[in-house]
Every structure is written in structure tokens, then in C-alpha cells.
């Protein structure tokens, strides 16, 4: 009889440990939206693009999703794709707003073509044409962010 009671108590303790630790374990292994997104919008933006080969600027209209994010600790963070329930769009490059040096030595801010997001707070422009709906933006570290286009 004591063996049966001990066995049942052991099973109850194991189930209790699993129930208590499940949220912690699932948060470690399950991707979530852990990258702070401060602002997001979709539209057609007239922006200054930095030409890295001749250190000059040119104005360009870019349609896409603009995000202000805070990349806290991921060194080589990128955006893998943007998807909704029916379509998946691969993101090959993004524009990041940063300080740049022009060929005359002046320093200004402009959008630079990049494939990775730097550590710190950044303004990103993902060049992509989207129809109205809800989309998921997947980062290379497995985290994601949902954005609604109206």
C-alpha cells in the first residue's frame, strides 16, 4: 500500500512541476515579439537615400513599412520575410536611417541600403508593396511582429 501511495505522490509532484515550469520553458523555446517596436506605419515615403560608392544623396519615393525598433542585443538581426495568410514576401534588403558623411565632408542623416539591423534604436524602411490586411514580419532570430495595413 505504501508503494502505491508513494508512486501516486511522485506522479502528482511531477505533474505539478511540469505545470509550473511549462510557461517558462515555452517562452524560452517559442518565438515571440520580444523586439520593442515603438512605431510602425505603411505608406509611400519620399526619403533621401545614401549612395555609398560616391558618398552622395538622391531622393527616392519608397513604398513600404516603416518601423522604429530597439534592437537590444541581437548583433546581426535581419528581416526574413513579411507574410499574411495567403502570401509570403522575402525581404532582401531594408533601408536604415543613420548619419552619413557626404563627399564634401558634411554629415547628415539618410537611409542606407542594408541587410542587417544594428544594435540600438533604429528607423527602418522595408520596401514592399502590400494590400490591406494583417501581416507578420519575421526577424532572423525567430521573433516576429504583426502589422495591420489599412
C-alpha atoms as a PDB file:
ATOM      1  CA  UNK A   1       0.000   0.000   0.000  1.00  0.00           C
ATOM      2  CA  UNK A   2       2.837   2.419   0.851  1.00  0.00           C
ATOM      3  CA  UNK A   3       4.409   1.811  -2.570  1.00  0.00           C
ATOM      4  CA  UNK A   4       1.183   2.780  -4.342  1.00  0.00           C
ATOM      5  CA  UNK A   5       0.794   5.981  -2.265  1.00  0.00           C
ATOM      6  CA  UNK A   6       4.450   6.888  -2.887  1.00  0.00           C
ATOM      7  CA  UNK A   7       4.022   6.238  -6.633  1.00  0.00           C
ATOM      8  CA  UNK A   8       0.874   8.403  -6.820  1.00  0.00           C
ATOM      9  CA  UNK A   9       2.506  11.228  -4.849  1.00  0.00           C
ATOM     10  CA  UNK A  10       5.528  11.087  -7.163  1.00  0.00           C
ATOM     11  CA  UNK A  11       3.260  11.350 -10.228  1.00  0.00           C
ATOM     12  CA  UNK A  12       1.365  14.299  -8.694  1.00  0.00           C
ATOM     13  CA  UNK A  13       4.645  16.099  -7.867  1.00  0.00           C
ATOM     14  CA  UNK A  14       5.997  15.553 -11.410  1.00  0.00           C
ATOM     15  CA  UNK A  15       2.768  16.840 -12.972  1.00  0.00           C
ATOM     16  CA  UNK A  16       2.882  19.874 -10.657  1.00  0.00           C
ATOM     17  CA  UNK A  17       6.473  20.670 -11.632  1.00  0.00           C
ATOM     18  CA  UNK A  18       5.624  20.388 -15.329  1.00  0.00           C
ATOM     19  CA  UNK A  19       2.565  22.644 -14.960  1.00  0.00           C
ATOM     20  CA  UNK A  20       4.549  25.296 -13.077  1.00  0.00           C
ATOM     21  CA  UNK A  21       7.579  25.248 -15.389  1.00  0.00           C
ATOM     22  CA  UNK A  22       5.727  24.973 -18.740  1.00  0.00           C
ATOM     23  CA  UNK A  23       5.229  28.759 -19.271  1.00  0.00           C
ATOM     24  CA  UNK A  24       8.915  29.419 -18.596  1.00  0.00           C
ATOM     25  CA  UNK A  25      10.113  26.637 -20.884  1.00  0.00           C
ATOM     26  CA  UNK A  26       7.727  27.581 -23.692  1.00  0.00           C
ATOM     27  CA  UNK A  27       8.786  31.235 -23.529  1.00  0.00           C
ATOM     28  CA  UNK A  28      12.422  30.216 -23.948  1.00  0.00           C
ATOM     29  CA  UNK A  29      11.880  27.967 -26.966  1.00  0.00           C
ATOM     30  CA  UNK A  30       8.914  29.645 -28.624  1.00  0.00           C
ATOM     31  CA  UNK A  31       9.457  32.750 -30.784  1.00  0.00           C
ATOM     32  CA  UNK A  32       7.588  35.844 -29.655  1.00  0.00           C
ATOM     33  CA  UNK A  33       7.563  39.524 -30.396  1.00  0.00           C
ATOM     34  CA  UNK A  34      10.360  40.459 -27.984  1.00  0.00           C
ATOM     35  CA  UNK A  35      11.901  43.236 -30.057  1.00  0.00           C
ATOM     36  CA  UNK A  36      10.424  46.538 -28.881  1.00  0.00           C
ATOM     37  CA  UNK A  37       8.602  48.240 -31.771  1.00  0.00           C
ATOM     38  CA  UNK A  38       7.851  51.868 -30.927  1.00  0.00           C
ATOM     39  CA  UNK A  39       6.121  52.924 -34.114  1.00  0.00           C
ATOM     40  CA  UNK A  40       5.003  51.318 -37.335  1.00  0.00           C
ATOM     41  CA  UNK A  41       3.318  52.668 -40.444  1.00  0.00           C
ATOM     42  CA  UNK A  42       2.786  51.828 -44.096  1.00  0.00           C
ATOM     43  CA  UNK A  43       2.831  54.272 -46.971  1.00  0.00           C
ATOM     44  CA  UNK A  44       4.768  55.993 -49.723  1.00  0.00           C
ATOM     45  CA  UNK A  45       7.742  57.889 -48.299  1.00  0.00           C
ATOM     46  CA  UNK A  46       9.932  60.438 -50.023  1.00  0.00           C
ATOM     47  CA  UNK A  47      13.349  59.759 -48.490  1.00  0.00           C
ATOM     48  CA  UNK A  48      16.981  60.618 -49.084  1.00  0.00           C
ATOM     49  CA  UNK A  49      18.984  57.509 -49.999  1.00  0.00           C
ATOM     50  CA  UNK A  50      22.737  57.436 -49.418  1.00  0.00           C
ATOM     51  CA  UNK A  51      24.905  56.232 -52.303  1.00  0.00           C
ATOM     52  CA  UNK A  52      27.862  54.568 -50.572  1.00  0.00           C
ATOM     53  CA  UNK A  53      30.042  54.370 -53.690  1.00  0.00           C
ATOM     54  CA  UNK A  54      30.247  58.135 -54.364  1.00  0.00           C
ATOM     55  CA  UNK A  55      29.118  59.467 -50.931  1.00  0.00           C
ATOM     56  CA  UNK A  56      26.128  61.340 -52.317  1.00  0.00           C
ATOM     57  CA  UNK A  57      22.380  61.522 -51.728  1.00  0.00           C
ATOM     58  CA  UNK A  58      19.448  61.094 -54.056  1.00  0.00           C
ATOM     59  CA  UNK A  59      15.742  61.465 -53.397  1.00  0.00           C
ATOM     60  CA  UNK A  60      13.548  58.414 -53.926  1.00  0.00           C
ATOM     61  CA  UNK A  61       9.906  57.541 -53.308  1.00  0.00           C
ATOM     62  CA  UNK A  62       9.749  54.253 -51.430  1.00  0.00           C
ATOM     63  CA  UNK A  63       6.535  52.375 -50.683  1.00  0.00           C
ATOM     64  CA  UNK A  64       6.798  50.139 -47.674  1.00  0.00           C
ATOM     65  CA  UNK A  65       6.595  49.567 -43.939  1.00  0.00           C
ATOM     66  CA  UNK A  66       8.438  51.995 -41.667  1.00  0.00           C
ATOM     67  CA  UNK A  67       9.376  50.728 -38.198  1.00  0.00           C
ATOM     68  CA  UNK A  68      11.096  52.360 -35.255  1.00  0.00           C
ATOM     69  CA  UNK A  69      12.566  49.491 -33.240  1.00  0.00           C
ATOM     70  CA  UNK A  70      15.024  48.986 -30.402  1.00  0.00           C
ATOM     71  CA  UNK A  71      17.349  46.097 -31.154  1.00  0.00           C
ATOM     72  CA  UNK A  72      18.552  45.423 -27.629  1.00  0.00           C
ATOM     73  CA  UNK A  73      21.010  42.586 -28.010  1.00  0.00           C
ATOM     74  CA  UNK A  74      20.930  40.854 -31.398  1.00  0.00           C
ATOM     75  CA  UNK A  75      24.117  41.693 -33.322  1.00  0.00           C
ATOM     76  CA  UNK A  76      23.195  40.503 -36.803  1.00  0.00           C
ATOM     77  CA  UNK A  77      19.441  40.935 -36.774  1.00  0.00           C
ATOM     78  CA  UNK A  78      17.679  40.903 -40.114  1.00  0.00           C
ATOM     79  CA  UNK A  79      14.183  40.562 -41.524  1.00  0.00           C
ATOM     80  CA  UNK A  80      13.481  37.244 -43.202  1.00  0.00           C
ATOM     81  CA  UNK A  81      10.051  37.811 -44.689  1.00  0.00           C
ATOM     82  CA  UNK A  82       6.697  39.555 -44.500  1.00  0.00           C
ATOM     83  CA  UNK A  83       3.659  37.297 -44.781  1.00  0.00           C
ATOM     84  CA  UNK A  84      -0.083  37.161 -44.422  1.00  0.00           C
ATOM     85  CA  UNK A  85      -2.468  34.227 -44.658  1.00  0.00           C
ATOM     86  CA  UNK A  86      -2.061  33.910 -48.438  1.00  0.00           C
ATOM     87  CA  UNK A  87       1.304  35.427 -49.453  1.00  0.00           C
ATOM     88  CA  UNK A  88       4.908  35.398 -48.280  1.00  0.00           C
ATOM     89  CA  UNK A  89       7.299  38.137 -49.399  1.00  0.00           C
ATOM     90  CA  UNK A  90      11.043  37.653 -48.979  1.00  0.00           C
ATOM     91  CA  UNK A  91      12.873  40.734 -47.706  1.00  0.00           C
ATOM     92  CA  UNK A  92      16.225  41.036 -49.485  1.00  0.00           C
ATOM     93  CA  UNK A  93      17.222  44.444 -48.161  1.00  0.00           C
ATOM     94  CA  UNK A  94      15.988  47.262 -45.962  1.00  0.00           C
ATOM     95  CA  UNK A  95      16.809  50.926 -45.551  1.00  0.00           C
ATOM     96  CA  UNK A  96      18.149  52.081 -42.175  1.00  0.00           C
ATOM     97  CA  UNK A  97      18.202  55.756 -41.195  1.00  0.00           C
ATOM     98  CA  UNK A  98      21.661  56.759 -39.978  1.00  0.00           C
ATOM     99  CA  UNK A  99      24.232  59.530 -40.011  1.00  0.00           C
ATOM    100  CA  UNK A 100      26.316  59.596 -43.183  1.00  0.00           C
ATOM    101  CA  UNK A 101      29.274  61.608 -44.469  1.00  0.00           C
ATOM    102  CA  UNK A 102      28.889  63.270 -47.862  1.00  0.00           C
ATOM    103  CA  UNK A 103      31.689  63.721 -50.403  1.00  0.00           C
ATOM    104  CA  UNK A 104      32.132  67.373 -49.294  1.00  0.00           C
ATOM    105  CA  UNK A 105      32.633  66.312 -45.641  1.00  0.00           C
ATOM    106  CA  UNK A 106      29.192  67.314 -44.363  1.00  0.00           C
ATOM    107  CA  UNK A 107      27.373  64.949 -42.011  1.00  0.00           C
ATOM    108  CA  UNK A 108      23.636  64.382 -42.458  1.00  0.00           C
ATOM    109  CA  UNK A 109      21.027  61.684 -41.913  1.00  0.00           C
ATOM    110  CA  UNK A 110      19.822  59.494 -44.752  1.00  0.00           C
ATOM    111  CA  UNK A 111      18.599  55.983 -45.429  1.00  0.00           C
ATOM    112  CA  UNK A 112      21.289  53.405 -46.163  1.00  0.00           C
ATOM    113  CA  UNK A 113      20.682  50.135 -48.001  1.00  0.00           C
ATOM    114  CA  UNK A 114      21.401  47.288 -45.572  1.00  0.00           C
ATOM    115  CA  UNK A 115      20.661  43.646 -44.890  1.00  0.00           C
ATOM    116  CA  UNK A 116      21.067  43.786 -41.114  1.00  0.00           C
ATOM    117  CA  UNK A 117      19.751  45.852 -38.234  1.00  0.00           C
ATOM    118  CA  UNK A 118      22.241  47.307 -35.793  1.00  0.00           C
ATOM    119  CA  UNK A 119      22.090  47.269 -32.001  1.00  0.00           C
ATOM    120  CA  UNK A 120      20.177  50.237 -30.602  1.00  0.00           C
ATOM    121  CA  UNK A 121      17.165  52.239 -31.683  1.00  0.00           C
ATOM    122  CA  UNK A 122      16.777  52.350 -35.463  1.00  0.00           C
ATOM    123  CA  UNK A 123      14.300  53.633 -38.018  1.00  0.00           C
ATOM    124  CA  UNK A 124      13.810  51.028 -40.741  1.00  0.00           C
ATOM    125  CA  UNK A 125      12.064  51.197 -44.082  1.00  0.00           C
ATOM    126  CA  UNK A 126      11.132  47.860 -45.634  1.00  0.00           C
ATOM    127  CA  UNK A 127      10.492  48.468 -49.351  1.00  0.00           C
ATOM    128  CA  UNK A 128       7.433  46.351 -50.110  1.00  0.00           C
ATOM    129  CA  UNK A 129       4.037  46.847 -51.781  1.00  0.00           C
ATOM    130  CA  UNK A 130       1.231  45.389 -49.658  1.00  0.00           C
ATOM    131  CA  UNK A 131      -2.534  45.155 -49.934  1.00  0.00           C
ATOM    132  CA  UNK A 132      -4.733  45.941 -46.912  1.00  0.00           C
ATOM    133  CA  UNK A 133      -4.649  43.253 -44.252  1.00  0.00           C
ATOM    134  CA  UNK A 134      -2.668  41.941 -41.315  1.00  0.00           C
ATOM    135  CA  UNK A 135       0.939  40.893 -41.940  1.00  0.00           C
ATOM    136  CA  UNK A 136       3.599  39.222 -39.839  1.00  0.00           C
ATOM    137  CA  UNK A 137       7.176  40.477 -40.066  1.00  0.00           C
ATOM    138  CA  UNK A 138       9.619  37.694 -39.133  1.00  0.00           C
ATOM    139  CA  UNK A 139      13.086  38.577 -37.837  1.00  0.00           C
ATOM    140  CA  UNK A 140      16.101  36.289 -38.344  1.00  0.00           C
ATOM    141  CA  UNK A 141      16.241  35.424 -34.637  1.00  0.00           C
ATOM    142  CA  UNK A 142      12.720  33.923 -34.781  1.00  0.00           C
ATOM    143  CA  UNK A 143      10.909  36.870 -33.212  1.00  0.00           C
ATOM    144  CA  UNK A 144       8.017  38.404 -35.094  1.00  0.00           C
ATOM    145  CA  UNK A 145       5.809  41.470 -35.197  1.00  0.00           C
ATOM    146  CA  UNK A 146       2.311  41.890 -36.614  1.00  0.00           C
ATOM    147  CA  UNK A 147       1.308  44.999 -38.538  1.00  0.00           C
ATOM    148  CA  UNK A 148      -2.102  45.916 -39.957  1.00  0.00           C
ATOM    149  CA  UNK A 149      -2.235  47.737 -43.290  1.00  0.00           C
ATOM    150  CA  UNK A 150      -5.455  49.650 -43.967  1.00  0.00           C
END
